[in-house]
């Protein structure tokens, strides 16, 4: 029953994110709204971490299973993808490297900012 309650809390927050996506004219995915709401609720203490922790861990553990349909979709559309495979691979490599470099810079900036705040 505990896991069902935790899953319902996560589902309700996701639903609120979906509603915000419908009513706000911003190009932001509903999942981002949901994560922001969950973050705010956790940081303000309105929602305790213990209220969603176990189900959250479970959902993260089964996340790789959620990529199976996308992989099957790629295999089914191989005929369409094959002529542009080189372009797709180049774009994938460039964007992956860009995200890694940018994430590294942001992480270093946060660490430096944290060290300055400690002094």
C-alpha atoms as a PDB file:
ATOM      1  CA  UNK A   1       0.000   0.000   0.000  1.00  0.00           C
ATOM      2  CA  UNK A   2       2.940   2.302   0.738  1.00  0.00           C
ATOM      3  CA  UNK A   3       4.273   1.975  -2.820  1.00  0.00           C
ATOM      4  CA  UNK A   4       0.852   2.584  -4.298  1.00  0.00           C
ATOM      5  CA  UNK A   5       0.494   5.804  -2.277  1.00  0.00           C
ATOM      6  CA  UNK A   6       3.954   6.974  -3.336  1.00  0.00           C
ATOM      7  CA  UNK A   7       3.222   6.167  -6.980  1.00  0.00           C
ATOM      8  CA  UNK A   8      -0.065   8.069  -6.749  1.00  0.00           C
ATOM      9  CA  UNK A   9       1.777  11.148  -5.402  1.00  0.00           C
ATOM     10  CA  UNK A  10       4.252  11.037  -8.308  1.00  0.00           C
ATOM     11  CA  UNK A  11       1.408  10.458 -10.769  1.00  0.00           C
ATOM     12  CA  UNK A  12      -0.606  13.376  -9.349  1.00  0.00           C
ATOM     13  CA  UNK A  13       2.386  15.711  -9.681  1.00  0.00           C
ATOM     14  CA  UNK A  14       2.893  14.513 -13.258  1.00  0.00           C
ATOM     15  CA  UNK A  15      -0.791  15.192 -13.962  1.00  0.00           C
ATOM     16  CA  UNK A  16      -0.434  18.729 -12.631  1.00  0.00           C
ATOM     17  CA  UNK A  17       2.530  19.142 -14.985  1.00  0.00           C
ATOM     18  CA  UNK A  18       0.304  17.985 -17.862  1.00  0.00           C
ATOM     19  CA  UNK A  19      -2.328  20.546 -16.887  1.00  0.00           C
ATOM     20  CA  UNK A  20       0.281  23.307 -16.771  1.00  0.00           C
ATOM     21  CA  UNK A  21       1.442  22.293 -20.239  1.00  0.00           C
ATOM     22  CA  UNK A  22      -2.109  22.705 -21.510  1.00  0.00           C
ATOM     23  CA  UNK A  23      -2.816  26.038 -19.822  1.00  0.00           C
ATOM     24  CA  UNK A  24       0.562  27.806 -20.060  1.00  0.00           C
ATOM     25  CA  UNK A  25       1.582  28.946 -23.539  1.00  0.00           C
ATOM     26  CA  UNK A  26       5.252  28.081 -23.024  1.00  0.00           C
ATOM     27  CA  UNK A  27       7.214  25.531 -25.075  1.00  0.00           C
ATOM     28  CA  UNK A  28       8.072  23.484 -21.978  1.00  0.00           C
ATOM     29  CA  UNK A  29       7.378  19.733 -21.802  1.00  0.00           C
ATOM     30  CA  UNK A  30       4.900  18.589 -19.169  1.00  0.00           C
ATOM     31  CA  UNK A  31       7.534  16.342 -17.581  1.00  0.00           C
ATOM     32  CA  UNK A  32       9.718  19.383 -16.881  1.00  0.00           C
ATOM     33  CA  UNK A  33       6.808  21.120 -15.176  1.00  0.00           C
ATOM     34  CA  UNK A  34       6.270  18.001 -13.096  1.00  0.00           C
ATOM     35  CA  UNK A  35       9.936  17.782 -12.085  1.00  0.00           C
ATOM     36  CA  UNK A  36       9.981  21.461 -11.124  1.00  0.00           C
ATOM     37  CA  UNK A  37       6.842  21.038  -9.025  1.00  0.00           C
ATOM     38  CA  UNK A  38       8.281  17.952  -7.324  1.00  0.00           C
ATOM     39  CA  UNK A  39      11.565  19.782  -6.689  1.00  0.00           C
ATOM     40  CA  UNK A  40       9.795  22.774  -5.158  1.00  0.00           C
ATOM     41  CA  UNK A  41       7.610  20.559  -2.976  1.00  0.00           C
ATOM     42  CA  UNK A  42      10.639  18.635  -1.736  1.00  0.00           C
ATOM     43  CA  UNK A  43      12.783  21.732  -1.140  1.00  0.00           C
ATOM     44  CA  UNK A  44      10.062  23.579   0.778  1.00  0.00           C
ATOM     45  CA  UNK A  45       9.310  20.545   2.915  1.00  0.00           C
ATOM     46  CA  UNK A  46       5.683  20.399   1.810  1.00  0.00           C
ATOM     47  CA  UNK A  47       6.446  16.910   0.521  1.00  0.00           C
ATOM     48  CA  UNK A  48       8.878  14.790   2.513  1.00  0.00           C
ATOM     49  CA  UNK A  49      11.435  12.712   0.632  1.00  0.00           C
ATOM     50  CA  UNK A  50      10.236   9.585   2.432  1.00  0.00           C
ATOM     51  CA  UNK A  51       6.853  10.117   0.768  1.00  0.00           C
ATOM     52  CA  UNK A  52       8.242   9.228  -2.682  1.00  0.00           C
ATOM     53  CA  UNK A  53      11.717   7.768  -2.105  1.00  0.00           C
ATOM     54  CA  UNK A  54      11.156   4.015  -2.539  1.00  0.00           C
ATOM     55  CA  UNK A  55       8.902   4.313  -5.579  1.00  0.00           C
ATOM     56  CA  UNK A  56      11.266   6.870  -7.111  1.00  0.00           C
ATOM     57  CA  UNK A  57      14.166   4.448  -6.712  1.00  0.00           C
ATOM     58  CA  UNK A  58      12.094   1.678  -8.281  1.00  0.00           C
ATOM     59  CA  UNK A  59      11.158   3.846 -11.257  1.00  0.00           C
ATOM     60  CA  UNK A  60      14.802   4.772 -11.803  1.00  0.00           C
ATOM     61  CA  UNK A  61      15.817   1.104 -11.628  1.00  0.00           C
ATOM     62  CA  UNK A  62      13.332   0.085 -14.337  1.00  0.00           C
ATOM     63  CA  UNK A  63      14.078   3.094 -16.558  1.00  0.00           C
ATOM     64  CA  UNK A  64      16.188   1.082 -19.061  1.00  0.00           C
ATOM     65  CA  UNK A  65      13.135  -1.062 -19.806  1.00  0.00           C
ATOM     66  CA  UNK A  66      11.353   2.078 -21.002  1.00  0.00           C
ATOM     67  CA  UNK A  67      13.880   2.468 -23.837  1.00  0.00           C
ATOM     68  CA  UNK A  68      12.946  -0.878 -25.420  1.00  0.00           C
ATOM     69  CA  UNK A  69       9.976   0.524 -27.414  1.00  0.00           C
ATOM     70  CA  UNK A  70      12.182   3.327 -28.789  1.00  0.00           C
ATOM     71  CA  UNK A  71      14.798   0.777 -29.858  1.00  0.00           C
ATOM     72  CA  UNK A  72      12.180  -1.363 -31.556  1.00  0.00           C
ATOM     73  CA  UNK A  73      10.863   1.738 -33.312  1.00  0.00           C
ATOM     74  CA  UNK A  74      14.348   2.462 -34.639  1.00  0.00           C
ATOM     75  CA  UNK A  75      14.670  -1.083 -35.919  1.00  0.00           C
ATOM     76  CA  UNK A  76      11.297  -0.905 -37.651  1.00  0.00           C
ATOM     77  CA  UNK A  77      12.184   2.376 -39.379  1.00  0.00           C
ATOM     78  CA  UNK A  78      15.640   1.204 -40.486  1.00  0.00           C
ATOM     79  CA  UNK A  79      14.726   1.672 -44.162  1.00  0.00           C
ATOM     80  CA  UNK A  80      14.032   5.362 -43.590  1.00  0.00           C
ATOM     81  CA  UNK A  81      16.994   5.855 -41.244  1.00  0.00           C
ATOM     82  CA  UNK A  82      19.648   4.045 -43.312  1.00  0.00           C
ATOM     83  CA  UNK A  83      20.156   6.751 -46.016  1.00  0.00           C
ATOM     84  CA  UNK A  84      20.758   9.451 -43.396  1.00  0.00           C
ATOM     85  CA  UNK A  85      22.625   7.328 -40.833  1.00  0.00           C
ATOM     86  CA  UNK A  86      25.912   9.216 -41.211  1.00  0.00           C
ATOM     87  CA  UNK A  87      24.216  12.572 -40.617  1.00  0.00           C
ATOM     88  CA  UNK A  88      22.336  11.236 -37.596  1.00  0.00           C
ATOM     89  CA  UNK A  89      25.528   9.761 -36.090  1.00  0.00           C
ATOM     90  CA  UNK A  90      27.465  13.013 -36.601  1.00  0.00           C
ATOM     91  CA  UNK A  91      24.673  15.060 -35.012  1.00  0.00           C
ATOM     92  CA  UNK A  92      24.420  12.578 -32.130  1.00  0.00           C
ATOM     93  CA  UNK A  93      28.162  12.695 -31.431  1.00  0.00           C
ATOM     94  CA  UNK A  94      28.351  16.492 -31.638  1.00  0.00           C
ATOM     95  CA  UNK A  95      25.333  17.074 -29.404  1.00  0.00           C
ATOM     96  CA  UNK A  96      26.504  14.457 -26.888  1.00  0.00           C
ATOM     97  CA  UNK A  97      29.933  16.084 -26.658  1.00  0.00           C
ATOM     98  CA  UNK A  98      28.350  19.531 -26.367  1.00  0.00           C
ATOM     99  CA  UNK A  99      26.113  18.404 -23.509  1.00  0.00           C
ATOM    100  CA  UNK A 100      29.050  16.733 -21.707  1.00  0.00           C
ATOM    101  CA  UNK A 101      31.279  19.826 -22.037  1.00  0.00           C
ATOM    102  CA  UNK A 102      28.530  22.217 -20.953  1.00  0.00           C
ATOM    103  CA  UNK A 103      27.579  19.973 -18.019  1.00  0.00           C
ATOM    104  CA  UNK A 104      31.223  19.859 -16.957  1.00  0.00           C
ATOM    105  CA  UNK A 105      31.509  23.640 -17.069  1.00  0.00           C
ATOM    106  CA  UNK A 106      28.336  24.093 -15.049  1.00  0.00           C
ATOM    107  CA  UNK A 107      29.477  21.510 -12.496  1.00  0.00           C
ATOM    108  CA  UNK A 108      32.854  23.210 -12.115  1.00  0.00           C
ATOM    109  CA  UNK A 109      31.171  26.600 -11.693  1.00  0.00           C
ATOM    110  CA  UNK A 110      28.855  25.224  -9.017  1.00  0.00           C
ATOM    111  CA  UNK A 111      31.788  23.629  -7.173  1.00  0.00           C
ATOM    112  CA  UNK A 112      33.779  26.878  -7.307  1.00  0.00           C
ATOM    113  CA  UNK A 113      30.752  28.856  -6.138  1.00  0.00           C
ATOM    114  CA  UNK A 114      30.253  26.392  -3.276  1.00  0.00           C
ATOM    115  CA  UNK A 115      33.892  26.724  -2.186  1.00  0.00           C
ATOM    116  CA  UNK A 116      33.644  30.524  -2.203  1.00  0.00           C
ATOM    117  CA  UNK A 117      30.493  30.310  -0.077  1.00  0.00           C
ATOM    118  CA  UNK A 118      32.266  28.099   2.484  1.00  0.00           C
ATOM    119  CA  UNK A 119      35.053  30.635   3.022  1.00  0.00           C
END
